[in-house]
N, C-alpha and C. Protein backbone atom coordinates (compact mmCIF):
# COMPACT_ATOMS: atom_id res chain seq x y z
N SER A 1 -22.26 -170.22 121.98
CA SER A 1 -23.34 -169.25 122.00
C SER A 1 -23.06 -168.19 123.05
N ALA A 2 -23.46 -166.95 122.74
CA ALA A 2 -23.35 -165.86 123.71
C ALA A 2 -24.70 -165.22 123.94
N GLY A 3 -25.78 -165.98 123.71
CA GLY A 3 -27.10 -165.43 123.97
C GLY A 3 -28.08 -165.71 122.85
N HIS A 4 -29.24 -165.05 122.94
CA HIS A 4 -30.33 -165.27 121.99
C HIS A 4 -30.94 -163.95 121.53
N PHE A 5 -31.35 -163.92 120.27
CA PHE A 5 -32.18 -162.86 119.70
C PHE A 5 -33.60 -163.42 119.76
N ASP A 6 -34.32 -163.08 120.83
CA ASP A 6 -35.59 -163.75 121.12
C ASP A 6 -36.72 -163.38 120.19
N LYS A 7 -36.90 -162.08 119.95
CA LYS A 7 -38.08 -161.69 119.17
C LYS A 7 -37.88 -160.34 118.49
N LEU A 8 -38.67 -160.14 117.44
CA LEU A 8 -38.75 -158.87 116.73
C LEU A 8 -40.22 -158.59 116.52
N VAL A 9 -40.72 -157.50 117.11
CA VAL A 9 -42.14 -157.16 117.06
C VAL A 9 -42.29 -155.69 116.73
N LEU A 10 -43.52 -155.29 116.42
CA LEU A 10 -43.81 -153.88 116.27
C LEU A 10 -43.81 -153.22 117.65
N VAL A 11 -43.64 -151.91 117.67
CA VAL A 11 -43.47 -151.21 118.95
C VAL A 11 -44.69 -151.37 119.86
N ASP A 12 -45.87 -151.62 119.28
CA ASP A 12 -47.06 -151.82 120.11
C ASP A 12 -47.20 -153.25 120.60
N GLY A 13 -46.22 -154.09 120.27
CA GLY A 13 -46.21 -155.47 120.74
C GLY A 13 -46.77 -156.48 119.77
N PHE A 14 -47.36 -156.03 118.66
CA PHE A 14 -47.94 -156.97 117.70
C PHE A 14 -46.82 -157.69 116.93
N PRO A 15 -47.01 -158.99 116.68
CA PRO A 15 -46.01 -159.71 115.88
C PRO A 15 -46.01 -159.23 114.44
N LEU A 16 -44.90 -159.45 113.75
CA LEU A 16 -44.77 -158.97 112.39
C LEU A 16 -45.62 -159.76 111.40
N GLY A 17 -45.69 -161.07 111.57
CA GLY A 17 -46.40 -161.89 110.60
C GLY A 17 -45.69 -161.89 109.26
N ASP A 18 -46.43 -162.18 108.19
CA ASP A 18 -45.83 -162.26 106.86
C ASP A 18 -45.99 -160.97 106.07
N ALA A 19 -46.78 -160.04 106.56
CA ALA A 19 -47.03 -158.80 105.82
C ALA A 19 -45.83 -157.86 105.92
N ALA A 20 -45.65 -157.05 104.89
CA ALA A 20 -44.58 -156.05 104.90
C ALA A 20 -44.93 -154.92 105.86
N VAL A 21 -43.93 -154.31 106.45
CA VAL A 21 -44.15 -153.18 107.34
C VAL A 21 -43.87 -151.89 106.60
N SER A 22 -44.40 -150.81 107.11
CA SER A 22 -44.20 -149.49 106.51
C SER A 22 -42.85 -148.93 106.91
N THR A 23 -42.35 -148.01 106.11
CA THR A 23 -41.07 -147.38 106.43
C THR A 23 -41.12 -146.57 107.72
N ILE A 24 -42.32 -146.20 108.16
CA ILE A 24 -42.42 -145.38 109.38
C ILE A 24 -42.74 -146.24 110.60
N ASP A 25 -42.86 -147.55 110.42
CA ASP A 25 -43.08 -148.43 111.56
C ASP A 25 -41.82 -148.54 112.40
N ILE A 26 -42.00 -148.65 113.70
CA ILE A 26 -40.89 -148.84 114.63
C ILE A 26 -40.90 -150.29 115.09
N LEU A 27 -39.75 -150.94 114.94
CA LEU A 27 -39.59 -152.34 115.33
C LEU A 27 -38.84 -152.41 116.65
N VAL A 28 -39.18 -153.40 117.45
CA VAL A 28 -38.51 -153.61 118.73
C VAL A 28 -37.86 -154.99 118.72
N ALA A 29 -36.56 -155.02 118.90
CA ALA A 29 -35.80 -156.27 118.98
C ALA A 29 -35.45 -156.54 120.44
N ARG A 30 -35.59 -157.80 120.87
CA ARG A 30 -35.32 -158.15 122.27
C ARG A 30 -34.56 -159.46 122.34
N GLY A 31 -33.76 -159.59 123.40
CA GLY A 31 -33.04 -160.84 123.62
C GLY A 31 -32.16 -160.74 124.86
N TRP A 32 -31.17 -161.62 124.93
CA TRP A 32 -30.23 -161.59 126.04
C TRP A 32 -28.84 -161.94 125.53
N ALA A 33 -27.82 -161.51 126.27
CA ALA A 33 -26.44 -161.77 125.87
C ALA A 33 -25.57 -161.93 127.10
N GLY A 34 -24.62 -162.85 127.01
CA GLY A 34 -23.68 -163.08 128.10
C GLY A 34 -22.89 -164.35 127.83
N ASP A 35 -21.74 -164.45 128.45
CA ASP A 35 -20.91 -165.64 128.30
C ASP A 35 -21.57 -166.80 129.02
N THR A 36 -21.94 -167.84 128.29
CA THR A 36 -22.68 -168.94 128.89
C THR A 36 -21.79 -169.89 129.69
N GLY A 37 -20.47 -169.84 129.46
CA GLY A 37 -19.58 -170.72 130.19
C GLY A 37 -19.26 -170.24 131.58
N LEU A 38 -18.80 -168.99 131.70
CA LEU A 38 -18.39 -168.44 132.99
C LEU A 38 -19.28 -167.30 133.48
N GLY A 39 -20.27 -166.93 132.67
CA GLY A 39 -21.21 -165.90 133.12
C GLY A 39 -20.69 -164.49 133.06
N MET A 40 -19.66 -164.22 132.23
CA MET A 40 -19.18 -162.84 132.10
C MET A 40 -20.26 -161.99 131.46
N ARG A 41 -20.59 -160.89 132.13
CA ARG A 41 -21.60 -160.00 131.58
C ARG A 41 -21.02 -159.18 130.44
N LEU A 42 -21.82 -158.94 129.42
CA LEU A 42 -21.41 -158.16 128.26
C LEU A 42 -22.17 -156.84 128.27
N SER A 43 -21.62 -155.84 127.59
CA SER A 43 -22.23 -154.51 127.65
C SER A 43 -23.01 -154.15 126.40
N ASP A 44 -22.66 -154.71 125.24
CA ASP A 44 -23.26 -154.25 123.99
C ASP A 44 -23.66 -155.40 123.08
N VAL A 45 -24.75 -155.17 122.35
CA VAL A 45 -25.19 -156.04 121.26
C VAL A 45 -25.35 -155.17 120.02
N LEU A 46 -24.86 -155.67 118.88
CA LEU A 46 -25.01 -154.96 117.62
C LEU A 46 -26.02 -155.70 116.75
N LEU A 47 -26.85 -154.95 116.04
CA LEU A 47 -27.84 -155.51 115.14
C LEU A 47 -27.39 -155.25 113.71
N ALA A 48 -27.58 -156.24 112.85
CA ALA A 48 -27.07 -156.13 111.49
C ALA A 48 -28.08 -156.66 110.48
N ARG A 49 -27.99 -156.11 109.27
CA ARG A 49 -28.75 -156.60 108.12
C ARG A 49 -27.96 -156.24 106.87
N CYS A 50 -27.97 -157.13 105.90
CA CYS A 50 -27.21 -156.91 104.66
C CYS A 50 -25.73 -156.70 104.95
N ASN A 51 -25.22 -157.40 105.98
CA ASN A 51 -23.80 -157.32 106.33
C ASN A 51 -23.40 -155.92 106.77
N ARG A 52 -24.35 -155.17 107.31
CA ARG A 52 -24.08 -153.81 107.82
C ARG A 52 -24.63 -153.69 109.23
N ILE A 53 -23.90 -153.03 110.10
CA ILE A 53 -24.38 -152.74 111.44
C ILE A 53 -25.41 -151.63 111.34
N ILE A 54 -26.61 -151.87 111.88
CA ILE A 54 -27.67 -150.87 111.75
C ILE A 54 -28.24 -150.45 113.11
N GLY A 55 -27.71 -150.97 114.19
CA GLY A 55 -28.20 -150.57 115.50
C GLY A 55 -27.37 -151.15 116.62
N ARG A 56 -27.55 -150.59 117.79
CA ARG A 56 -26.81 -151.05 118.96
C ARG A 56 -27.73 -151.04 120.17
N ALA A 57 -27.56 -152.03 121.04
CA ALA A 57 -28.36 -152.11 122.26
C ALA A 57 -27.43 -152.33 123.45
N LYS A 58 -27.74 -151.68 124.56
CA LYS A 58 -27.02 -151.90 125.80
C LYS A 58 -27.65 -153.08 126.56
N VAL A 59 -26.79 -153.89 127.16
CA VAL A 59 -27.26 -155.05 127.92
C VAL A 59 -27.48 -154.61 129.35
N THR A 60 -28.74 -154.26 129.67
CA THR A 60 -29.03 -153.65 130.98
C THR A 60 -30.30 -154.18 131.63
N LEU A 61 -31.03 -155.07 130.97
CA LEU A 61 -32.35 -155.47 131.48
C LEU A 61 -32.26 -156.77 132.29
N ASP A 62 -33.12 -156.90 133.28
CA ASP A 62 -33.13 -158.09 134.13
C ASP A 62 -33.71 -159.28 133.38
N ARG A 63 -33.03 -160.42 133.47
CA ARG A 63 -33.50 -161.67 132.89
C ARG A 63 -33.29 -162.80 133.90
N PRO A 64 -34.13 -162.86 134.94
CA PRO A 64 -33.98 -163.92 135.94
C PRO A 64 -34.12 -165.32 135.34
N ASP A 65 -34.85 -165.44 134.22
CA ASP A 65 -34.98 -166.75 133.58
C ASP A 65 -33.64 -167.24 133.04
N VAL A 66 -32.83 -166.31 132.52
CA VAL A 66 -31.51 -166.67 132.01
C VAL A 66 -30.59 -167.04 133.16
N ALA A 67 -30.66 -166.28 134.27
CA ALA A 67 -29.83 -166.59 135.43
C ALA A 67 -30.15 -167.99 135.96
N LYS A 68 -31.41 -168.38 135.92
CA LYS A 68 -31.82 -169.69 136.43
C LYS A 68 -31.40 -170.81 135.49
N ALA A 69 -31.53 -170.57 134.19
CA ALA A 69 -31.32 -171.66 133.23
C ALA A 69 -29.90 -171.75 132.70
N VAL A 70 -29.17 -170.61 132.67
CA VAL A 70 -27.86 -170.57 131.99
C VAL A 70 -26.71 -170.37 132.96
N HIS A 71 -26.72 -169.25 133.70
CA HIS A 71 -25.63 -168.95 134.64
C HIS A 71 -26.14 -167.94 135.66
N PRO A 72 -25.84 -168.14 136.96
CA PRO A 72 -26.39 -167.26 138.00
C PRO A 72 -25.90 -165.81 137.90
N ASN A 73 -24.80 -165.56 137.21
CA ASN A 73 -24.31 -164.19 137.11
C ASN A 73 -24.98 -163.41 135.99
N LEU A 74 -25.87 -164.03 135.23
CA LEU A 74 -26.49 -163.36 134.09
C LEU A 74 -27.90 -162.86 134.40
N VAL A 75 -28.09 -162.38 135.63
CA VAL A 75 -29.40 -161.81 135.99
C VAL A 75 -29.69 -160.61 135.11
N ARG A 76 -28.71 -159.74 134.94
CA ARG A 76 -28.91 -158.53 134.11
C ARG A 76 -28.26 -158.76 132.75
N SER A 77 -28.90 -159.58 131.92
CA SER A 77 -28.35 -159.92 130.61
C SER A 77 -29.28 -159.55 129.46
N GLY A 78 -30.41 -158.92 129.76
CA GLY A 78 -31.37 -158.60 128.72
C GLY A 78 -31.04 -157.32 127.96
N TRP A 79 -31.48 -157.27 126.72
CA TRP A 79 -31.29 -156.08 125.90
C TRP A 79 -32.53 -155.83 125.05
N GLU A 80 -32.70 -154.57 124.64
CA GLU A 80 -33.81 -154.18 123.77
C GLU A 80 -33.36 -153.02 122.90
N ALA A 81 -33.75 -153.04 121.63
CA ALA A 81 -33.41 -151.96 120.71
C ALA A 81 -34.63 -151.62 119.87
N GLN A 82 -34.80 -150.34 119.57
CA GLN A 82 -35.85 -149.89 118.66
C GLN A 82 -35.22 -149.46 117.34
N LEU A 83 -35.85 -149.89 116.25
CA LEU A 83 -35.33 -149.62 114.91
C LEU A 83 -36.44 -149.05 114.06
N LEU A 84 -36.14 -148.03 113.28
CA LEU A 84 -37.09 -147.49 112.31
C LEU A 84 -36.99 -148.34 111.05
N ALA A 85 -38.11 -148.91 110.64
CA ALA A 85 -38.10 -149.83 109.50
C ALA A 85 -37.50 -149.20 108.25
N GLY A 86 -37.72 -147.91 108.05
CA GLY A 86 -37.19 -147.22 106.87
C GLY A 86 -35.69 -147.13 106.83
N HIS A 87 -35.03 -147.37 107.97
CA HIS A 87 -33.56 -147.31 108.02
C HIS A 87 -32.91 -148.65 107.67
N LEU A 88 -33.71 -149.71 107.56
CA LEU A 88 -33.14 -151.02 107.28
C LEU A 88 -32.69 -151.08 105.82
N PRO A 89 -31.45 -151.48 105.57
CA PRO A 89 -30.98 -151.58 104.18
C PRO A 89 -31.66 -152.75 103.46
N SER A 90 -31.69 -152.66 102.13
CA SER A 90 -32.28 -153.72 101.31
C SER A 90 -31.19 -154.40 100.49
N CYS A 91 -31.21 -155.74 100.46
CA CYS A 91 -30.20 -156.45 99.69
C CYS A 91 -30.70 -157.81 99.21
N GLY A 92 -31.98 -158.08 99.39
CA GLY A 92 -32.51 -159.38 99.02
C GLY A 92 -32.51 -160.38 100.16
N ASP A 93 -31.85 -160.05 101.26
CA ASP A 93 -31.83 -160.89 102.45
C ASP A 93 -32.60 -160.14 103.54
N ASP A 94 -33.77 -160.65 103.89
CA ASP A 94 -34.64 -159.94 104.83
C ASP A 94 -34.29 -160.19 106.29
N ASP A 95 -33.30 -161.03 106.57
CA ASP A 95 -33.00 -161.41 107.95
C ASP A 95 -32.27 -160.31 108.71
N LEU A 96 -32.71 -160.13 109.94
CA LEU A 96 -32.03 -159.25 110.89
C LEU A 96 -31.34 -160.15 111.89
N SER A 97 -30.06 -159.89 112.15
CA SER A 97 -29.28 -160.71 113.08
C SER A 97 -28.75 -159.85 114.21
N ALA A 98 -28.37 -160.50 115.32
CA ALA A 98 -27.83 -159.80 116.48
C ALA A 98 -26.51 -160.44 116.88
N TRP A 99 -25.58 -159.60 117.35
CA TRP A 99 -24.22 -160.06 117.64
C TRP A 99 -23.76 -159.49 118.98
N ALA A 100 -23.27 -160.37 119.84
CA ALA A 100 -22.69 -159.93 121.11
C ALA A 100 -21.27 -159.45 120.88
N VAL A 101 -20.89 -158.38 121.56
CA VAL A 101 -19.55 -157.81 121.44
C VAL A 101 -18.68 -158.35 122.58
N ILE A 102 -17.59 -159.02 122.21
CA ILE A 102 -16.62 -159.51 123.19
C ILE A 102 -15.41 -158.57 123.13
N PRO A 103 -15.18 -157.74 124.15
CA PRO A 103 -14.07 -156.78 124.09
C PRO A 103 -12.73 -157.48 123.93
N GLY A 104 -11.80 -156.83 123.23
CA GLY A 104 -10.48 -157.41 123.02
C GLY A 104 -9.72 -156.61 121.99
N SER A 105 -8.59 -157.12 121.57
CA SER A 105 -7.77 -156.44 120.57
C SER A 105 -7.51 -157.36 119.39
N PRO A 106 -8.33 -157.35 118.34
CA PRO A 106 -9.54 -156.52 118.23
C PRO A 106 -10.73 -157.20 118.93
N ALA A 107 -11.82 -156.45 119.01
CA ALA A 107 -13.04 -157.00 119.58
C ALA A 107 -13.60 -158.08 118.65
N LEU A 108 -14.34 -159.02 119.23
CA LEU A 108 -14.96 -160.10 118.48
C LEU A 108 -16.48 -159.96 118.51
N LEU A 109 -17.12 -160.38 117.44
CA LEU A 109 -18.57 -160.45 117.39
C LEU A 109 -18.98 -161.92 117.36
N ILE A 110 -19.90 -162.30 118.25
CA ILE A 110 -20.41 -163.66 118.27
C ILE A 110 -21.91 -163.61 117.99
N SER A 111 -22.34 -164.36 117.00
CA SER A 111 -23.74 -164.34 116.59
C SER A 111 -24.64 -164.89 117.70
N LEU A 112 -25.71 -164.17 117.99
CA LEU A 112 -26.72 -164.67 118.92
C LEU A 112 -27.65 -165.63 118.18
N VAL A 113 -28.16 -166.60 118.91
CA VAL A 113 -29.05 -167.58 118.31
C VAL A 113 -30.38 -166.91 117.94
N GLY A 114 -30.80 -167.07 116.70
CA GLY A 114 -32.06 -166.50 116.26
C GLY A 114 -31.87 -165.39 115.23
N ARG A 115 -32.57 -165.52 114.12
CA ARG A 115 -32.61 -164.49 113.09
C ARG A 115 -34.08 -164.23 112.77
N HIS A 116 -34.40 -162.98 112.43
CA HIS A 116 -35.79 -162.62 112.20
C HIS A 116 -35.92 -161.86 110.89
N ALA A 117 -36.84 -162.33 110.06
CA ALA A 117 -37.06 -161.71 108.75
C ALA A 117 -38.09 -160.59 108.86
N VAL A 118 -37.85 -159.53 108.12
CA VAL A 118 -38.81 -158.43 108.05
C VAL A 118 -38.72 -157.82 106.65
N THR A 119 -39.87 -157.63 106.03
CA THR A 119 -39.95 -157.02 104.70
C THR A 119 -40.50 -155.62 104.84
N VAL A 120 -39.82 -154.65 104.24
CA VAL A 120 -40.23 -153.25 104.32
C VAL A 120 -40.85 -152.85 102.99
N ASP A 121 -42.07 -152.34 103.03
CA ASP A 121 -42.76 -151.86 101.83
C ASP A 121 -42.30 -150.44 101.53
N ARG A 122 -41.50 -150.28 100.48
CA ARG A 122 -40.97 -148.97 100.14
C ARG A 122 -41.68 -148.35 98.93
N VAL A 123 -42.66 -149.05 98.35
CA VAL A 123 -43.35 -148.55 97.17
C VAL A 123 -44.17 -147.31 97.54
N GLY A 124 -43.84 -146.19 96.92
CA GLY A 124 -44.56 -144.95 97.17
C GLY A 124 -44.31 -144.34 98.53
N ALA A 125 -43.37 -144.92 99.30
CA ALA A 125 -43.11 -144.41 100.65
C ALA A 125 -42.25 -143.15 100.59
N PRO A 126 -42.53 -142.18 101.43
CA PRO A 126 -41.68 -140.99 101.47
C PRO A 126 -40.29 -141.32 102.00
N ALA A 127 -39.33 -140.53 101.60
CA ALA A 127 -37.96 -140.74 102.11
C ALA A 127 -37.94 -140.51 103.61
N VAL A 128 -37.22 -141.36 104.30
CA VAL A 128 -37.13 -141.27 105.76
C VAL A 128 -35.86 -140.52 106.13
N SER A 129 -36.04 -139.44 106.88
CA SER A 129 -34.86 -138.72 107.36
C SER A 129 -34.38 -139.36 108.64
N ASN A 130 -33.08 -139.22 108.93
CA ASN A 130 -32.53 -139.82 110.14
C ASN A 130 -33.17 -139.20 111.38
N VAL A 131 -33.54 -140.08 112.31
CA VAL A 131 -34.14 -139.60 113.55
C VAL A 131 -33.14 -139.64 114.70
N SER A 132 -31.99 -140.25 114.48
CA SER A 132 -30.96 -140.29 115.51
C SER A 132 -29.62 -140.50 114.84
N ALA A 133 -28.56 -140.28 115.57
CA ALA A 133 -27.21 -140.45 115.04
C ALA A 133 -26.44 -141.40 115.94
N GLN A 134 -25.59 -142.22 115.34
CA GLN A 134 -24.72 -143.10 116.10
C GLN A 134 -23.28 -142.83 115.70
N SER A 135 -22.40 -142.91 116.67
CA SER A 135 -20.98 -142.80 116.35
C SER A 135 -20.56 -144.05 115.59
N GLU A 136 -19.55 -143.92 114.76
CA GLU A 136 -19.07 -145.05 113.98
C GLU A 136 -18.55 -146.13 114.91
N ILE A 137 -18.91 -147.38 114.60
CA ILE A 137 -18.51 -148.52 115.43
C ILE A 137 -17.42 -149.28 114.70
N ARG A 138 -16.27 -149.38 115.33
CA ARG A 138 -15.13 -150.07 114.75
C ARG A 138 -14.57 -151.05 115.78
N PRO A 139 -13.73 -152.02 115.35
CA PRO A 139 -13.19 -152.99 116.32
C PRO A 139 -12.51 -152.34 117.52
N GLU A 140 -11.80 -151.24 117.28
CA GLU A 140 -11.08 -150.61 118.39
C GLU A 140 -12.01 -149.85 119.34
N THR A 141 -13.31 -149.76 119.00
CA THR A 141 -14.27 -149.14 119.91
C THR A 141 -14.33 -149.88 121.24
N TYR A 142 -14.07 -151.20 121.19
CA TYR A 142 -14.16 -152.04 122.38
C TYR A 142 -12.78 -152.61 122.67
N GLY A 143 -12.01 -151.89 123.46
CA GLY A 143 -10.65 -152.32 123.75
C GLY A 143 -10.60 -153.47 124.74
N ALA A 144 -9.46 -154.13 124.77
CA ALA A 144 -9.27 -155.24 125.71
C ALA A 144 -9.17 -154.71 127.14
N PRO A 145 -9.62 -155.50 128.12
CA PRO A 145 -9.44 -155.10 129.53
C PRO A 145 -7.96 -154.92 129.84
N ALA A 146 -7.66 -153.94 130.66
CA ALA A 146 -6.26 -153.66 131.00
C ALA A 146 -5.70 -154.76 131.90
N LYS A 147 -4.46 -155.18 131.63
CA LYS A 147 -3.81 -156.18 132.48
C LYS A 147 -3.40 -155.55 133.80
N GLU A 148 -3.53 -156.34 134.85
CA GLU A 148 -3.15 -155.90 136.19
C GLU A 148 -2.32 -157.00 136.84
N THR A 149 -1.76 -156.65 138.01
CA THR A 149 -1.03 -157.64 138.80
C THR A 149 -1.86 -158.01 140.02
N PHE A 150 -2.07 -159.31 140.21
CA PHE A 150 -2.85 -159.81 141.33
C PHE A 150 -1.97 -160.69 142.21
N GLU A 151 -2.13 -160.54 143.53
CA GLU A 151 -1.43 -161.41 144.47
C GLU A 151 -2.42 -162.44 145.00
N ILE A 152 -2.11 -163.71 144.74
CA ILE A 152 -2.95 -164.80 145.24
C ILE A 152 -2.49 -165.12 146.66
N LEU A 153 -3.44 -165.11 147.61
CA LEU A 153 -3.10 -165.24 149.02
C LEU A 153 -3.16 -166.69 149.51
N ALA A 154 -3.88 -167.54 148.82
CA ALA A 154 -3.97 -168.95 149.22
C ALA A 154 -2.79 -169.72 148.62
N SER A 155 -2.43 -170.86 149.24
CA SER A 155 -1.31 -171.65 148.72
C SER A 155 -1.61 -172.12 147.30
N ARG A 156 -2.81 -172.51 147.04
CA ARG A 156 -3.28 -172.82 145.68
C ARG A 156 -4.78 -172.52 145.64
N ALA A 157 -5.16 -171.60 144.78
CA ALA A 157 -6.56 -171.15 144.74
C ALA A 157 -7.30 -171.80 143.57
N ASN A 158 -8.55 -172.17 143.83
CA ASN A 158 -9.40 -172.73 142.79
C ASN A 158 -10.16 -171.63 142.07
N LEU A 159 -10.08 -171.61 140.76
CA LEU A 159 -10.93 -170.75 139.94
C LEU A 159 -12.14 -171.58 139.53
N ARG A 160 -13.35 -171.02 139.69
CA ARG A 160 -14.56 -171.80 139.51
C ARG A 160 -15.46 -171.24 138.40
N ARG A 161 -16.41 -172.06 137.97
CA ARG A 161 -17.31 -171.66 136.88
C ARG A 161 -18.23 -170.52 137.31
N CYS A 162 -18.56 -170.44 138.57
CA CYS A 162 -19.40 -169.35 139.07
C CYS A 162 -18.97 -169.04 140.50
N GLY A 163 -19.57 -168.01 141.07
CA GLY A 163 -19.16 -167.54 142.38
C GLY A 163 -19.75 -168.32 143.53
N SER A 164 -19.33 -169.57 143.68
CA SER A 164 -19.78 -170.42 144.78
C SER A 164 -18.83 -171.60 144.90
N THR A 165 -18.64 -172.07 146.12
CA THR A 165 -17.76 -173.23 146.32
C THR A 165 -18.39 -174.52 145.79
N THR A 166 -19.67 -174.46 145.44
CA THR A 166 -20.32 -175.64 144.86
C THR A 166 -20.13 -175.71 143.35
N CYS A 167 -19.59 -174.66 142.74
CA CYS A 167 -19.40 -174.64 141.29
C CYS A 167 -18.14 -175.42 140.90
N PRO A 168 -18.12 -176.03 139.72
CA PRO A 168 -16.95 -176.80 139.29
C PRO A 168 -15.69 -175.94 139.19
N VAL A 169 -14.55 -176.55 139.45
CA VAL A 169 -13.26 -175.86 139.32
C VAL A 169 -12.85 -175.86 137.85
N THR A 170 -12.50 -174.68 137.33
CA THR A 170 -12.07 -174.55 135.93
C THR A 170 -10.56 -174.47 135.80
N ALA A 171 -9.86 -174.02 136.85
CA ALA A 171 -8.40 -173.91 136.82
C ALA A 171 -7.92 -173.68 138.24
N GLN A 172 -6.60 -173.80 138.43
CA GLN A 172 -5.99 -173.51 139.73
C GLN A 172 -4.82 -172.56 139.52
N ILE A 173 -4.55 -171.75 140.54
CA ILE A 173 -3.45 -170.81 140.45
C ILE A 173 -2.71 -170.77 141.78
N ASP A 174 -1.38 -170.76 141.73
CA ASP A 174 -0.55 -170.85 142.93
C ASP A 174 -0.41 -169.50 143.62
N ARG A 175 -0.01 -169.57 144.89
CA ARG A 175 0.27 -168.35 145.66
C ARG A 175 1.36 -167.53 144.96
N GLY A 176 1.23 -166.22 145.09
CA GLY A 176 2.21 -165.31 144.50
C GLY A 176 1.56 -164.29 143.60
N THR A 177 2.36 -163.54 142.86
CA THR A 177 1.85 -162.49 141.98
C THR A 177 1.72 -163.03 140.55
N HIS A 178 0.63 -162.64 139.89
CA HIS A 178 0.35 -163.09 138.54
C HIS A 178 -0.26 -161.93 137.75
N SER A 179 0.06 -161.88 136.47
CA SER A 179 -0.53 -160.89 135.57
C SER A 179 -1.84 -161.44 135.02
N GLY A 180 -2.88 -160.61 135.03
CA GLY A 180 -4.18 -161.07 134.53
C GLY A 180 -5.13 -159.91 134.34
N VAL A 181 -6.40 -160.23 134.10
CA VAL A 181 -7.42 -159.20 133.90
C VAL A 181 -8.62 -159.51 134.78
N LEU A 182 -9.23 -158.45 135.27
CA LEU A 182 -10.47 -158.55 136.03
C LEU A 182 -11.63 -158.43 135.04
N LEU A 183 -12.39 -159.51 134.87
CA LEU A 183 -13.46 -159.55 133.88
C LEU A 183 -14.82 -159.20 134.46
N ASP A 184 -15.03 -159.46 135.75
CA ASP A 184 -16.31 -159.17 136.38
C ASP A 184 -16.13 -159.27 137.88
N ASP A 185 -17.03 -158.65 138.63
CA ASP A 185 -16.97 -158.67 140.09
C ASP A 185 -18.39 -158.51 140.62
N ASP A 186 -18.86 -159.48 141.40
CA ASP A 186 -20.21 -159.38 141.94
C ASP A 186 -20.23 -158.87 143.37
N GLY A 187 -19.07 -158.41 143.87
CA GLY A 187 -18.99 -157.88 145.22
C GLY A 187 -18.42 -158.87 146.22
N GLU A 188 -18.56 -160.16 145.94
CA GLU A 188 -18.04 -161.20 146.83
C GLU A 188 -17.05 -162.11 146.10
N TRP A 189 -17.29 -162.33 144.82
CA TRP A 189 -16.43 -163.13 143.96
C TRP A 189 -16.05 -162.32 142.74
N SER A 190 -14.88 -162.62 142.17
CA SER A 190 -14.41 -161.93 140.96
C SER A 190 -14.11 -162.95 139.87
N LEU A 191 -14.42 -162.57 138.64
CA LEU A 191 -14.06 -163.39 137.48
C LEU A 191 -12.72 -162.87 136.97
N LEU A 192 -11.67 -163.70 137.11
CA LEU A 192 -10.32 -163.32 136.75
C LEU A 192 -9.83 -164.16 135.59
N GLY A 193 -9.04 -163.55 134.72
CA GLY A 193 -8.45 -164.26 133.60
C GLY A 193 -6.94 -164.22 133.67
N PHE A 194 -6.31 -165.40 133.63
CA PHE A 194 -4.85 -165.52 133.64
C PHE A 194 -4.43 -166.32 132.41
N ASP A 195 -3.13 -166.35 132.14
CA ASP A 195 -2.64 -167.07 130.97
C ASP A 195 -2.98 -168.55 131.02
N ASN A 196 -3.03 -169.12 132.24
CA ASN A 196 -3.26 -170.56 132.35
C ASN A 196 -4.70 -170.92 132.70
N GLY A 197 -5.61 -169.95 132.62
CA GLY A 197 -7.01 -170.26 132.87
C GLY A 197 -7.77 -169.08 133.42
N GLN A 198 -9.07 -169.23 133.50
CA GLN A 198 -9.91 -168.17 134.05
C GLN A 198 -11.06 -168.77 134.83
N GLY A 199 -11.60 -167.98 135.73
CA GLY A 199 -12.71 -168.46 136.55
C GLY A 199 -12.97 -167.50 137.70
N TRP A 200 -13.95 -167.85 138.52
CA TRP A 200 -14.35 -167.01 139.65
C TRP A 200 -13.52 -167.36 140.88
N LEU A 201 -13.04 -166.31 141.57
CA LEU A 201 -12.22 -166.46 142.77
C LEU A 201 -12.83 -165.63 143.90
N PHE A 202 -12.93 -166.23 145.08
CA PHE A 202 -13.44 -165.52 146.25
C PHE A 202 -12.55 -164.31 146.51
N ASN A 203 -13.17 -163.15 146.72
CA ASN A 203 -12.42 -161.90 146.80
C ASN A 203 -11.39 -161.87 147.93
N LYS A 204 -11.60 -162.60 149.00
CA LYS A 204 -10.66 -162.58 150.12
C LYS A 204 -9.41 -163.41 149.84
N LEU A 205 -9.39 -164.12 148.70
CA LEU A 205 -8.23 -164.95 148.38
C LEU A 205 -7.24 -164.25 147.46
N TYR A 206 -7.48 -162.97 147.15
CA TYR A 206 -6.52 -162.25 146.30
C TYR A 206 -6.58 -160.77 146.63
N ARG A 207 -5.55 -160.05 146.16
CA ARG A 207 -5.58 -158.60 146.24
C ARG A 207 -4.90 -158.04 144.99
N ARG A 208 -5.31 -156.85 144.60
CA ARG A 208 -4.74 -156.18 143.45
C ARG A 208 -3.48 -155.43 143.88
N VAL A 209 -2.40 -155.63 143.15
CA VAL A 209 -1.13 -154.99 143.49
C VAL A 209 -1.04 -153.69 142.72
N GLN A 210 -0.86 -152.60 143.44
CA GLN A 210 -0.77 -151.28 142.82
C GLN A 210 0.63 -151.01 142.29
């Protein structure tokens, strides 16, 4: 799992219920996204219906409940998106789903837990003109993090599940230079990925080689 699609409500906060919504109704989707294993923060969530991407949300909202229950680095893991009901495609499947974007070559989509059904009443409804534009979203939109060279300063450094010496060790890496990627940095600890493992490393135990 990479998060949850918590709720889908009308813009005024009322639940959808079983009744159909109008094409001019605005829906609000909310949830959270992040790597539950190591706490890597994610930047984007895509919303889909009828096997088509119909919206995008930035992961920018505070979710202290997620940080407490899932991983301490996921304080800012919340997302919210507004959707015009008239823009939702119809295909016989009323479910709206949400997907976390994992950058890479190509990028991966991981389904968030939770799907929400919504029926749009289009009988006699006026045609809805586009109220906003989105750039086309393709796998290469989210490139892989650039590889860098890191010098490990300790004789053997522990990579941990989170940024604390009390967190479990996920891998170890020897002193010397290694090729890897910087996945996250909280100012004191960094989430680093190497060929033989990934995890959080205290910032004073490594340096980036230019």
